[in-house]
Each structure stands twice: as C-alpha cells, then as structure tokens.
Amino acid sequence: MSINKQKLIDISRLLPYTFIAVLGISFWFFLVFPFEHHNESYHWIAILMNTNFIQALTENIFNQPNFRFMTNVIAYSGYALSGGGIYIHQLFNFFVAAAAWFMIALLM
C-alpha cells in the first residue's frame, strides 16, 4: 500500500487550521461552560437522583418525545461516575465538540 504524497502535503497544510479550531473551542469551553449545576441541569439531577440504571436503560426518564435510551444511559452513567456532579458531562461535551471541529477543519 503506497501513501499518496500529495495527500500528506495537503493534510500537513491543514493541521495549523485544525489546531486553531480546536484551541478556539477549548478557549470558549473552559471560559464559558460551567462545571457546576445551572438551569436545566438541576432538573436533570432531580430526575437522575430518583433513577437507577435499569430505568435509564428501559424508560423514557427525561420526558422526550421519543425514547432515547443511549442519552439516558450516558446521562445516568456520567451522573453515577461523578457522584452527582456535572463535570464528566461537560468534559464529554468538550471532547465531542473538539473532535467535530477537528474533523471539520481537516475536511475543509
């Protein structure tokens, strides 16, 4: 399997823009995103305090129009792992957003 040198050159030209995009989202994330409860997270915590893993897996616990079991499981797992905090959810949000910006910058 040969590596296309032109493709490597193109990717190397895009890397500075990719890192700028990731640094930009990182700056705004750590400056603006809260790491403690705020607005709707109080509602989520009130629901999650009275939920167990099986309920998160099998029931629509957040009054969503349709059942999203992965959302429930991820939310409950983050809640359980952090001991009732929100920082694991915020870090998950950050990594997903940074990965999206990284991929978008590489595809442009």
Protein backbone atom coordinates (compact mmCIF):
# COMPACT_ATOMS: atom_id res chain seq x y z
CA MET A 1 0.00 0.00 0.00
CA SER A 2 1.57 3.25 -1.12
CA ILE A 3 0.99 6.59 0.58
CA ASN A 4 -0.08 9.41 -1.66
CA LYS A 5 2.49 12.17 -1.02
CA GLN A 6 0.13 14.87 -2.30
CA LYS A 7 -2.50 13.87 0.26
CA LEU A 8 0.10 14.07 3.07
CA ILE A 9 1.15 17.53 1.91
CA ASP A 10 -2.48 18.67 1.85
CA ILE A 11 -3.10 17.35 5.36
CA SER A 12 0.06 18.99 6.69
CA ARG A 13 -1.13 22.35 5.32
CA LEU A 14 -4.45 21.94 7.13
CA LEU A 15 -3.03 20.99 10.53
CA PRO A 16 -2.40 24.58 11.72
CA TYR A 17 -6.03 25.47 10.94
CA THR A 18 -7.19 22.30 12.65
CA PHE A 19 -5.26 23.13 15.82
CA ILE A 20 -6.55 26.72 15.76
CA ALA A 21 -10.12 25.40 15.54
CA VAL A 22 -9.57 23.02 18.46
CA LEU A 23 -7.82 25.70 20.53
CA GLY A 24 -10.68 28.11 19.81
CA ILE A 25 -13.35 25.70 21.00
CA SER A 26 -11.15 24.84 24.00
CA PHE A 27 -10.82 28.50 24.97
CA TRP A 28 -14.55 29.14 24.84
CA PHE A 29 -15.35 25.87 26.55
CA PHE A 30 -13.12 26.47 29.56
CA LEU A 31 -14.01 30.16 29.73
CA VAL A 32 -17.79 29.92 29.42
CA PHE A 33 -19.01 26.39 30.11
CA PRO A 34 -19.91 25.87 33.76
CA PHE A 35 -18.62 22.91 35.69
CA GLU A 36 -21.34 23.10 38.31
CA HIS A 37 -25.10 22.84 38.17
CA HIS A 38 -27.01 25.50 36.28
CA ASN A 39 -30.56 25.94 34.93
CA GLU A 40 -31.67 22.69 33.29
CA SER A 41 -29.02 20.56 34.98
CA TYR A 42 -30.94 20.96 38.26
CA HIS A 43 -33.91 19.34 36.53
CA TRP A 44 -31.75 16.52 35.18
CA ILE A 45 -30.16 15.88 38.58
CA ALA A 46 -33.58 15.75 40.25
CA ILE A 47 -34.62 13.09 37.74
CA LEU A 48 -31.36 11.13 37.94
CA MET A 49 -31.38 11.08 41.76
CA ASN A 50 -34.58 9.00 41.60
CA THR A 51 -33.48 6.73 38.74
CA ASN A 52 -31.49 3.54 38.58
CA PHE A 53 -29.54 2.06 35.66
CA ILE A 54 -32.36 -0.28 34.57
CA GLN A 55 -34.84 2.61 34.45
CA ALA A 56 -32.35 4.67 32.43
CA LEU A 57 -31.98 1.78 30.01
CA THR A 58 -35.68 0.92 29.61
CA GLU A 59 -37.78 4.02 30.35
CA ASN A 60 -38.19 7.50 28.90
CA ILE A 61 -36.98 9.33 32.01
CA PHE A 62 -36.49 12.83 30.54
CA ASN A 63 -39.98 13.33 29.01
CA GLN A 64 -38.58 13.35 25.50
CA PRO A 65 -40.98 12.99 22.56
CA ASN A 66 -39.25 9.72 21.64
CA PHE A 67 -37.29 7.18 23.64
CA ARG A 68 -33.52 7.74 23.56
CA PHE A 69 -32.01 5.01 25.67
CA MET A 70 -28.39 5.93 24.84
CA THR A 71 -28.98 9.50 26.05
CA ASN A 72 -30.47 8.14 29.25
CA VAL A 73 -27.62 5.66 29.79
CA ILE A 74 -24.87 8.22 29.08
CA ALA A 75 -26.52 10.80 31.36
CA TYR A 76 -27.06 8.30 34.16
CA SER A 77 -23.55 6.84 33.83
CA GLY A 78 -21.98 10.30 33.97
CA TYR A 79 -24.10 11.15 36.99
CA ALA A 80 -23.19 7.92 38.78
CA LEU A 81 -19.46 8.17 37.96
CA SER A 82 -19.19 11.79 39.11
CA GLY A 83 -21.13 11.26 42.31
CA GLY A 84 -23.88 13.68 41.33
CA GLY A 85 -21.65 16.26 39.64
CA ILE A 86 -21.76 17.61 36.13
CA TYR A 87 -18.07 17.81 35.20
CA ILE A 88 -17.98 14.42 33.42
CA HIS A 89 -20.85 15.52 31.18
CA GLN A 90 -19.12 18.79 30.41
CA LEU A 91 -15.85 17.06 29.56
CA PHE A 92 -17.73 14.62 27.34
CA ASN A 93 -19.37 17.60 25.59
CA PHE A 94 -15.96 19.20 25.15
CA PHE A 95 -14.32 16.13 23.62
CA VAL A 96 -17.21 15.58 21.21
CA ALA A 97 -17.19 19.25 20.16
CA ALA A 98 -13.38 19.32 19.78
CA ALA A 99 -13.42 16.13 17.72
CA ALA A 100 -16.13 17.57 15.48
CA TRP A 101 -14.18 20.79 14.92
CA PHE A 102 -11.02 18.77 14.27
CA MET A 103 -12.76 16.63 11.62
CA ILE A 104 -14.47 19.62 10.00
CA ALA A 105 -11.18 21.50 9.77
CA LEU A 106 -9.48 18.51 8.15
CA LEU A 107 -12.30 18.08 5.65
CA MET A 108 -12.34 21.71 4.55
